[in-house]
Amino acid sequence: MNAALAQDVREGLSRRPKQLPPKYLYDELGSALFEAICALPWYRVTRAETALLSRCAPLVARHIPDPPFIVELGPGSGDKLLRLAEAFSTGPHKAHLHLIDISSSALAEAQQALARLEGFTVTVAHTTYDDGLAAIGEVRPSAAPMLTLLLGSNIGNFDDDDALAFLRRVRAAGRDADWLLLGVDLIKPARDLVLAYDDPLGVTAAFNKNLLVRLNRELGADFDLAAFDHRALWNAGHSRVEMHLVSRVPQRVLIPGSDLTVTFDAGESIWTESSSKYTPARIAEFAAGAGFSVRGQWVDTDAGFALSLMQAT
C-alpha cells in the first residue's frame, strides 16, 4: 500500500474544507485522461504552449551554451521537450535530458517519444519534483549549464506563497546563471476558464472522479462515484480555477487504508486541484522574488498563455 497516499488522504480529508493533493490525480489512467484533456478544443494550454515552443526554441537555444543539461518537471508525453531539444541538436555534443515525474506511465511515454533524438542522453527520476531537484547533483554533468522546464502552467497548482517557495527551491537546485523556462496560463474571461475545466464531453469530470477510483483501489475505500459531482469554478479573488468533487447527498465513506471514516453533508466537497492564472507583470514579480531575471517572454494573446525564459541571478 502507498503509505504517503494513505497519510495524505488521512490529513487532507480531516481538514475543513476537505482537500487532496492534486499529484494523486496522475495515476496511469489519470495521466491518460489528462492527455485527452489536452486535446480538447476548450483546453488550449497545451496547443498554445506547443506552438510557442516551436517558435521560440531556436531563440532559447541561442541563450544557452551547448550542450545543456535540460531538466523537465512533469514531461507529460514528451512532445514539448522533443520540440525544444531539437533546437540543441546542431552542435557536436548533445544535451542530457532528465525527466522528473511521479507518473511512471508518463515517464515511459516521454522516454519513447524522446528516443527518436539521436545522440541525446535521457535519464528519468520516478519521484516528486522536490526529491528530484534535491538529487540533481547526482546526475548533472559538472560543467553543463542547466535549463529547467516547468511547463503546462504546472506552477498554477500552487497558491502564490507556495509557488514562490517552489521557484526558490528550483533556484537553489541550480547555480548562478542557470536557466528556467516557465509556462503559465494567463487570466482570461471566467466563462472560458471554467469551460476549460468542465468540458461538455465530461473528460475533465472523469479525470477528477478517477481520484476516487484510485482511493477505492489502493486504500480499499468505498466511494460511490455516482454520489459525487465534478465542479469547476473561477475564484476571482485568488485568480484561480478550483476543481471540486461535490457530495450529492449526506453520506459516510470508509477508507480502511487510511484508518479513516469520513462523513459528508449534501453539497460538501473535496477540493482536488487549483490552477492559478497570472499576468505578465505577476510572472516578473515571481521571477525576481525567486532569484531569477526574465530574459525573454513569448505570449499567445489569443489563447492567453505565456512562456518566460529566466536566468538565475
Protein backbone atom coordinates (compact mmCIF):
# COMPACT_ATOMS: atom_id res chain seq x y z
CA MET A 1 0.00 0.00 0.00
CA ASN A 2 1.13 3.56 -0.73
CA ALA A 3 1.93 4.90 2.75
CA ALA A 4 2.35 8.50 1.56
CA LEU A 5 -1.05 8.39 -0.15
CA ALA A 6 -2.67 6.93 2.97
CA GLN A 7 -1.18 9.67 5.16
CA ASP A 8 -2.07 12.49 2.77
CA VAL A 9 -5.65 11.23 2.46
CA ARG A 10 -5.98 10.98 6.24
CA GLU A 11 -4.70 14.53 6.70
CA GLY A 12 -6.49 16.08 3.74
CA LEU A 13 -9.94 14.65 4.42
CA SER A 14 -9.69 15.66 8.08
CA ARG A 15 -9.34 19.34 7.12
CA ARG A 16 -12.03 21.95 6.64
CA PRO A 17 -12.57 22.26 3.76
CA LYS A 18 -11.68 18.73 2.76
CA GLN A 19 -8.90 18.58 0.17
CA LEU A 20 -6.48 16.19 -1.52
CA PRO A 21 -3.12 16.92 -3.20
CA PRO A 22 -3.53 17.18 -7.00
CA LYS A 23 -0.48 14.98 -7.61
CA TYR A 24 -2.66 11.94 -6.84
CA LEU A 25 -4.82 12.66 -9.89
CA TYR A 26 -1.99 11.30 -12.03
CA ASP A 27 -2.05 7.53 -11.79
CA GLU A 28 -1.85 5.61 -15.07
CA LEU A 29 -5.49 6.24 -16.00
CA GLY A 30 -5.37 9.81 -14.72
CA SER A 31 -2.33 10.57 -16.86
CA ALA A 32 -4.09 9.15 -19.93
CA LEU A 33 -7.20 11.20 -19.20
CA PHE A 34 -5.11 14.34 -18.83
CA GLU A 35 -3.55 13.73 -22.23
CA ALA A 36 -7.10 13.51 -23.59
CA ILE A 37 -7.97 16.80 -21.87
CA CYS A 38 -5.02 18.43 -23.62
CA ALA A 39 -6.60 17.54 -26.99
CA LEU A 40 -9.99 19.09 -26.16
CA PRO A 41 -10.90 22.30 -28.02
CA TRP A 42 -11.82 24.05 -24.76
CA TYR A 43 -8.43 23.40 -23.13
CA ARG A 44 -5.96 25.49 -25.12
CA VAL A 45 -2.95 25.41 -22.79
CA THR A 46 -1.08 22.56 -24.46
CA ARG A 47 -1.65 23.66 -28.05
CA ALA A 48 -0.71 27.27 -27.27
CA GLU A 49 2.42 26.24 -25.39
CA THR A 50 3.50 23.75 -28.06
CA ALA A 51 3.14 26.42 -30.76
CA LEU A 52 5.12 28.91 -28.69
CA LEU A 53 7.86 26.35 -28.09
CA SER A 54 8.16 25.64 -31.80
CA ARG A 55 8.53 29.37 -32.39
CA CYS A 56 10.92 30.26 -29.59
CA ALA A 57 13.06 27.10 -29.26
CA PRO A 58 15.84 28.45 -31.53
CA LEU A 59 15.87 31.69 -29.52
CA VAL A 60 16.13 29.77 -26.24
CA ALA A 61 18.99 27.71 -27.66
CA ARG A 62 20.90 30.86 -28.59
CA HIS A 63 20.92 32.00 -24.96
CA ILE A 64 22.27 28.76 -23.50
CA PRO A 65 25.76 27.30 -24.09
CA ASP A 66 25.81 23.93 -25.82
CA PRO A 67 25.38 21.25 -24.59
CA PRO A 68 22.97 21.94 -21.72
CA PHE A 69 21.59 19.71 -19.00
CA ILE A 70 17.82 20.01 -19.54
CA VAL A 71 15.54 19.01 -16.65
CA GLU A 72 11.79 18.79 -17.18
CA LEU A 73 9.48 18.69 -14.19
CA GLY A 74 6.43 16.73 -15.36
CA PRO A 75 7.24 15.88 -19.00
CA GLY A 76 3.81 14.51 -19.93
CA SER A 77 4.01 12.86 -23.34
CA GLY A 78 7.49 14.30 -24.01
CA ASP A 79 6.28 16.16 -27.10
CA LYS A 80 7.12 19.64 -25.81
CA LEU A 81 10.61 18.64 -24.69
CA LEU A 82 11.15 16.96 -28.05
CA ARG A 83 10.44 20.25 -29.85
CA LEU A 84 12.80 22.17 -27.60
CA ALA A 85 15.59 19.58 -27.65
CA GLU A 86 15.66 19.58 -31.44
CA ALA A 87 16.92 23.18 -31.27
CA PHE A 88 20.00 21.88 -29.42
CA SER A 89 20.73 19.11 -31.92
CA THR A 90 23.01 21.03 -34.28
CA GLY A 91 26.18 21.09 -32.15
CA PRO A 92 28.77 18.32 -31.93
CA HIS A 93 27.70 17.49 -28.36
CA LYS A 94 24.12 16.63 -27.47
CA ALA A 95 22.11 17.70 -24.44
CA HIS A 96 21.45 15.47 -21.46
CA LEU A 97 17.69 15.27 -20.87
CA HIS A 98 16.50 14.46 -17.34
CA LEU A 99 12.81 13.81 -16.63
CA ILE A 100 11.20 14.06 -13.19
CA ASP A 101 7.63 12.82 -12.62
CA ILE A 102 5.56 10.84 -10.13
CA SER A 103 3.75 9.11 -13.00
CA SER A 104 5.63 6.05 -14.27
CA SER A 105 3.38 5.84 -17.34
CA ALA A 106 4.14 9.47 -18.25
CA LEU A 107 7.87 8.84 -17.93
CA ALA A 108 7.64 5.75 -20.14
CA GLU A 109 5.68 7.66 -22.79
CA ALA A 110 8.10 10.59 -22.72
CA GLN A 111 11.13 8.28 -23.00
CA GLN A 112 9.57 6.62 -26.03
CA ALA A 113 8.94 10.00 -27.69
CA LEU A 114 12.48 11.21 -27.00
CA ALA A 115 14.05 8.01 -28.32
CA ARG A 116 13.83 9.45 -31.84
CA LEU A 117 16.50 12.02 -30.91
CA GLU A 118 19.93 10.74 -31.93
CA GLY A 119 22.87 11.23 -29.60
CA PHE A 120 20.96 12.59 -26.62
CA THR A 121 21.30 11.09 -23.16
CA VAL A 122 17.93 10.59 -21.42
CA THR A 123 17.57 9.75 -17.72
CA VAL A 124 14.47 9.65 -15.54
CA ALA A 125 13.60 10.05 -11.87
CA HIS A 126 10.30 8.49 -10.78
CA THR A 127 9.75 10.79 -7.82
CA THR A 128 8.33 14.12 -6.68
CA TYR A 129 9.63 17.40 -8.05
CA ASP A 130 11.25 18.32 -4.74
CA ASP A 131 13.02 14.99 -4.30
CA GLY A 132 14.10 15.02 -7.93
CA LEU A 133 15.52 18.52 -7.62
CA ALA A 134 17.33 17.58 -4.42
CA ALA A 135 19.12 14.78 -6.28
CA ILE A 136 20.09 16.83 -9.35
CA GLY A 137 23.75 16.90 -8.32
CA GLU A 138 23.94 13.12 -8.71
CA VAL A 139 23.13 13.21 -12.44
CA ARG A 140 24.13 16.67 -13.64
CA PRO A 141 27.30 16.80 -15.75
CA SER A 142 29.65 19.01 -13.76
CA ALA A 143 30.28 21.72 -16.35
CA ALA A 144 26.93 21.76 -18.15
CA PRO A 145 24.61 24.76 -17.89
CA MET A 146 21.19 23.69 -16.59
CA LEU A 147 17.86 24.57 -18.15
CA THR A 148 14.84 23.60 -16.03
CA LEU A 149 11.45 23.32 -17.72
CA LEU A 150 8.25 23.87 -15.74
CA LEU A 151 5.62 23.90 -18.44
CA GLY A 152 1.88 23.35 -18.81
CA SER A 153 1.16 26.01 -16.17
CA ASN A 154 2.01 23.40 -13.52
CA ILE A 155 3.11 26.25 -11.26
CA GLY A 156 -0.59 27.15 -11.09
CA ASN A 157 -1.25 24.15 -8.84
CA PHE A 158 0.37 26.12 -6.00
CA ASP A 159 -1.04 29.13 -4.21
CA ASP A 160 1.07 32.28 -4.51
CA ASP A 161 3.19 31.72 -1.40
CA ASP A 162 3.85 28.08 -2.23
CA ALA A 163 4.55 28.92 -5.89
CA LEU A 164 7.20 31.42 -4.87
CA ALA A 165 8.69 28.97 -2.38
CA PHE A 166 8.82 26.27 -5.06
CA LEU A 167 10.55 28.56 -7.56
CA ARG A 168 13.10 29.36 -4.88
CA ARG A 169 13.76 25.62 -4.49
CA VAL A 170 14.24 25.36 -8.25
CA ARG A 171 16.73 28.22 -7.99
CA ALA A 172 18.52 26.57 -5.06
CA ALA A 173 18.90 23.32 -7.03
CA GLY A 174 20.92 25.13 -9.68
CA ARG A 175 23.81 27.55 -9.91
CA ASP A 176 24.26 31.19 -10.81
CA ALA A 177 23.45 31.81 -14.48
CA ASP A 178 21.37 28.61 -14.83
CA TRP A 179 18.05 28.90 -16.66
CA LEU A 180 14.33 28.29 -16.14
CA LEU A 181 11.67 28.13 -18.86
CA LEU A 182 8.27 28.69 -17.25
CA GLY A 183 4.92 28.23 -18.99
CA VAL A 184 1.88 29.87 -17.39
CA ASP A 185 -1.77 30.32 -18.25
CA LEU A 186 -2.91 33.95 -18.19
CA ILE A 187 -6.09 35.47 -16.78
CA LYS A 188 -8.92 35.44 -19.33
CA PRO A 189 -12.74 35.61 -19.27
CA ALA A 190 -14.24 33.47 -16.49
CA ARG A 191 -16.52 31.58 -18.89
CA ASP A 192 -13.53 30.42 -20.97
CA LEU A 193 -11.61 29.39 -17.87
CA VAL A 194 -14.45 27.33 -16.39
CA LEU A 195 -15.21 25.66 -19.72
CA ALA A 196 -11.59 24.50 -19.95
CA TYR A 197 -12.00 22.64 -16.63
CA ASP A 198 -15.60 21.46 -17.06
CA ASP A 199 -15.79 20.39 -20.69
CA PRO A 200 -19.05 19.34 -22.38
CA LEU A 201 -17.69 15.84 -23.08
CA GLY A 202 -17.09 15.17 -19.39
CA VAL A 203 -13.43 14.20 -19.80
CA THR A 204 -12.28 16.52 -17.02
CA ALA A 205 -15.07 15.17 -14.80
CA ALA A 206 -13.76 11.64 -15.42
CA PHE A 207 -10.22 12.81 -14.66
CA ASN A 208 -11.36 14.29 -11.35
CA LYS A 209 -13.55 11.34 -10.35
CA ASN A 210 -10.73 8.92 -11.15
CA LEU A 211 -9.14 10.12 -7.92
CA LEU A 212 -11.96 8.36 -6.06
CA VAL A 213 -11.40 5.24 -8.18
CA ARG A 214 -7.76 5.32 -7.11
CA LEU A 215 -8.68 5.61 -3.42
CA ASN A 216 -11.08 2.69 -3.76
CA ARG A 217 -8.40 0.58 -5.45
CA GLU A 218 -5.34 1.47 -3.38
CA LEU A 219 -6.86 2.20 0.04
CA GLY A 220 -9.93 -0.06 -0.02
CA ALA A 221 -12.29 2.93 0.19
CA ASP A 222 -15.98 2.63 -0.72
CA PHE A 223 -16.58 5.90 -2.57
CA ASP A 224 -19.71 5.76 -4.75
CA LEU A 225 -18.80 7.73 -7.87
CA ALA A 226 -22.46 8.37 -8.66
CA ALA A 227 -22.80 10.19 -5.34
CA PHE A 228 -20.27 12.87 -6.33
CA ASP A 229 -20.39 15.58 -8.99
CA HIS A 230 -17.45 17.30 -10.64
CA ARG A 231 -17.46 21.07 -10.26
CA ALA A 232 -15.10 23.74 -11.60
CA LEU A 233 -15.35 27.36 -10.51
CA TRP A 234 -13.44 30.60 -11.02
CA ASN A 235 -12.24 32.17 -7.76
CA ALA A 236 -11.63 35.75 -8.89
CA GLY A 237 -10.30 36.84 -5.51
CA HIS A 238 -7.42 34.37 -5.76
CA SER A 239 -7.15 34.36 -9.60
CA ARG A 240 -7.57 30.59 -9.83
CA VAL A 241 -9.82 27.87 -11.18
CA GLU A 242 -10.75 25.34 -8.50
CA MET A 243 -11.83 21.74 -9.09
CA HIS A 244 -14.04 20.03 -6.54
CA LEU A 245 -15.82 16.73 -6.06
CA VAL A 246 -19.18 17.61 -4.53
CA SER A 247 -21.22 15.16 -2.46
CA ARG A 248 -24.76 14.95 -3.83
CA VAL A 249 -26.19 13.52 -0.61
CA PRO A 250 -25.28 13.13 3.06
CA GLN A 251 -23.01 10.10 3.21
CA ARG A 252 -20.36 8.20 5.09
CA VAL A 253 -17.27 6.78 3.40
CA LEU A 254 -14.92 4.17 4.82
CA ILE A 255 -11.21 4.35 3.89
CA PRO A 256 -9.56 1.36 5.62
CA GLY A 257 -6.11 2.04 4.17
CA SER A 258 -6.06 5.44 5.89
CA ASP A 259 -7.80 4.13 9.04
CA LEU A 260 -10.45 6.76 8.42
CA THR A 261 -14.21 7.21 8.24
CA VAL A 262 -15.34 10.40 6.51
CA THR A 263 -18.79 11.96 6.64
CA PHE A 264 -20.13 14.36 4.02
CA ASP A 265 -23.05 16.74 4.11
CA ALA A 266 -25.02 17.22 0.92
CA GLY A 267 -23.17 19.86 -1.09
CA GLU A 268 -19.90 19.40 0.80
CA SER A 269 -16.87 18.99 -1.44
CA ILE A 270 -13.34 17.68 -1.70
CA TRP A 271 -11.09 20.35 -3.18
CA THR A 272 -8.85 18.40 -5.55
CA GLU A 273 -6.96 20.94 -7.63
CA SER A 274 -6.32 24.65 -8.13
CA SER A 275 -5.00 26.25 -11.28
CA SER A 276 -3.85 29.81 -10.73
CA LYS A 277 -3.81 32.26 -13.62
CA TYR A 278 -1.38 35.15 -14.00
CA THR A 279 -0.49 38.40 -15.69
CA PRO A 280 2.91 39.04 -17.34
CA ALA A 281 3.68 41.54 -14.56
CA ARG A 282 2.97 38.92 -11.90
CA ILE A 283 5.35 36.49 -13.65
CA ALA A 284 8.14 39.07 -13.45
CA GLU A 285 7.42 39.58 -9.73
CA PHE A 286 7.69 35.84 -9.09
CA ALA A 287 10.94 35.67 -11.04
CA ALA A 288 12.53 38.48 -9.05
CA GLY A 289 11.33 37.06 -5.74
CA ALA A 290 12.83 33.65 -6.52
CA GLY A 291 16.22 34.90 -7.70
CA PHE A 292 15.62 34.93 -11.46
CA SER A 293 15.51 37.63 -14.09
CA VAL A 294 13.25 37.40 -17.16
CA ARG A 295 15.42 37.32 -20.30
CA GLY A 296 12.70 36.61 -22.84
CA GLN A 297 8.94 36.22 -22.96
CA TRP A 298 6.63 34.90 -25.67
CA VAL A 299 2.85 35.38 -25.40
CA ASP A 300 -0.07 33.85 -27.29
CA THR A 301 -2.55 36.69 -26.76
CA ASP A 302 -5.44 34.80 -28.35
CA ALA A 303 -5.12 31.72 -26.13
CA GLY A 304 -3.86 33.72 -23.14
CA PHE A 305 -0.64 31.82 -22.48
CA ALA A 306 2.96 32.92 -21.84
CA LEU A 307 6.40 31.29 -21.94
CA SER A 308 9.09 33.09 -19.97
CA LEU A 309 12.82 32.39 -20.11
CA MET A 310 14.52 33.30 -16.84
CA GLN A 311 18.14 33.28 -15.72
CA ALA A 312 19.33 32.77 -12.15
CA THR A 313 20.91 35.94 -10.76
